[in-house]
Amino acid sequence: MSALAKLYSDSEINERRIQQSKTALDDIWNLLTLAQKVALNKLNHFGYQLAFTRALDGTYLAIAICDGVTATIDFEGSVNLNPKVAIR
């Protein structure tokens, strides 16, 4: 049994991961332009969730995923539902 498991219960560990994950998504959200935030909010109604961003020519490309389907949102808020983005 690891030392971490001795100090924290499973529920405490999971709660810490959720908090860290929320903080990371908040940091990503703050990188987006207003146009990207509006477009992402519209995609959220269809089940898309912000996954990560990629730096692109001084701006960020937002990547959203829904049931394994990827969408990208450029800095102007244009949505591409069939992007050529490799996700590992």
Protein backbone atom coordinates (compact mmCIF):
# COMPACT_ATOMS: atom_id res chain seq x y z
CA MET A 1 0.00 0.00 0.00
CA SER A 2 1.45 3.36 -0.94
CA ALA A 3 2.06 6.15 1.51
CA LEU A 4 -0.46 8.33 -0.32
CA ALA A 5 -3.16 5.68 0.08
CA LYS A 6 -2.41 5.52 3.81
CA LEU A 7 -2.82 9.28 4.20
CA TYR A 8 -5.93 9.79 2.05
CA SER A 9 -9.01 7.71 1.46
CA ASP A 10 -10.15 6.94 -2.11
CA SER A 11 -12.88 9.59 -1.94
CA GLU A 12 -10.40 12.23 -0.76
CA ILE A 13 -8.00 11.37 -3.60
CA ASN A 14 -10.81 11.54 -6.19
CA GLU A 15 -11.98 14.87 -4.78
CA ARG A 16 -8.46 16.29 -5.06
CA ARG A 17 -8.24 15.12 -8.71
CA ILE A 18 -11.57 16.78 -9.52
CA GLN A 19 -10.41 20.04 -7.93
CA GLN A 20 -7.13 19.94 -9.85
CA SER A 21 -8.98 19.13 -13.07
CA LYS A 22 -11.40 22.03 -12.53
CA THR A 23 -8.50 24.40 -11.89
CA ALA A 24 -6.80 23.24 -15.10
CA LEU A 25 -9.99 23.79 -17.13
CA ASP A 26 -10.41 27.24 -15.56
CA ASP A 27 -6.87 28.09 -16.66
CA ILE A 28 -7.63 26.89 -20.19
CA TRP A 29 -10.93 28.82 -20.24
CA ASN A 30 -9.05 32.02 -19.36
CA LEU A 31 -6.85 31.60 -22.46
CA LEU A 32 -9.84 31.71 -24.82
CA THR A 33 -11.13 34.77 -26.62
CA LEU A 34 -14.68 35.97 -26.06
CA ALA A 35 -15.66 34.61 -29.49
CA GLN A 36 -14.30 31.17 -28.55
CA LYS A 37 -16.17 31.21 -25.25
CA VAL A 38 -19.46 32.05 -26.98
CA ALA A 39 -18.95 29.31 -29.59
CA LEU A 40 -17.99 26.78 -26.92
CA ASN A 41 -21.06 27.67 -24.90
CA LYS A 42 -23.21 26.88 -27.96
CA LEU A 43 -21.39 23.56 -28.43
CA ASN A 44 -21.98 22.72 -24.77
CA HIS A 45 -25.71 22.50 -25.55
CA PHE A 46 -24.89 19.56 -27.85
CA GLY A 47 -22.72 17.83 -25.25
CA TYR A 48 -19.27 19.10 -26.25
CA GLN A 49 -16.83 19.79 -23.44
CA LEU A 50 -13.63 21.81 -23.57
CA ALA A 51 -10.72 19.35 -23.52
CA PHE A 52 -7.58 21.42 -24.15
CA THR A 53 -6.04 24.15 -26.28
CA ARG A 54 -3.19 24.26 -28.74
CA ALA A 55 -1.00 27.28 -29.33
CA LEU A 56 -1.31 28.40 -32.94
CA ASP A 57 0.46 31.49 -34.35
CA GLY A 58 0.18 33.52 -31.13
CA THR A 59 -3.42 32.46 -30.47
CA TYR A 60 -5.05 29.34 -29.11
CA LEU A 61 -7.12 26.73 -30.87
CA ALA A 62 -9.77 25.33 -28.51
CA ILE A 63 -10.44 21.60 -28.74
CA ALA A 64 -13.83 20.28 -27.59
CA ILE A 65 -14.93 16.64 -27.50
CA CYS A 66 -18.34 14.93 -27.40
CA ASP A 67 -18.63 11.13 -27.44
CA GLY A 68 -15.27 10.80 -29.18
CA VAL A 69 -16.14 13.44 -31.81
CA THR A 70 -13.74 16.38 -31.93
CA ALA A 71 -14.51 20.01 -32.74
CA THR A 72 -12.10 22.93 -32.93
CA ILE A 73 -12.77 26.62 -32.36
CA ASP A 74 -10.34 29.19 -33.72
CA PHE A 75 -9.64 32.59 -32.13
CA GLU A 76 -12.47 34.19 -34.17
CA GLY A 77 -15.00 31.68 -32.85
CA SER A 78 -15.29 29.66 -36.07
CA VAL A 79 -16.21 26.06 -35.31
CA ASN A 80 -14.85 23.14 -37.31
CA LEU A 81 -16.76 19.92 -36.66
CA ASN A 82 -14.46 17.89 -38.91
CA PRO A 83 -10.94 19.01 -37.95
CA LYS A 84 -7.73 17.27 -38.91
CA VAL A 85 -6.36 17.17 -35.38
CA ALA A 86 -4.55 14.11 -34.07
CA ILE A 87 -5.52 13.32 -30.50
CA ARG A 88 -3.56 10.71 -28.58
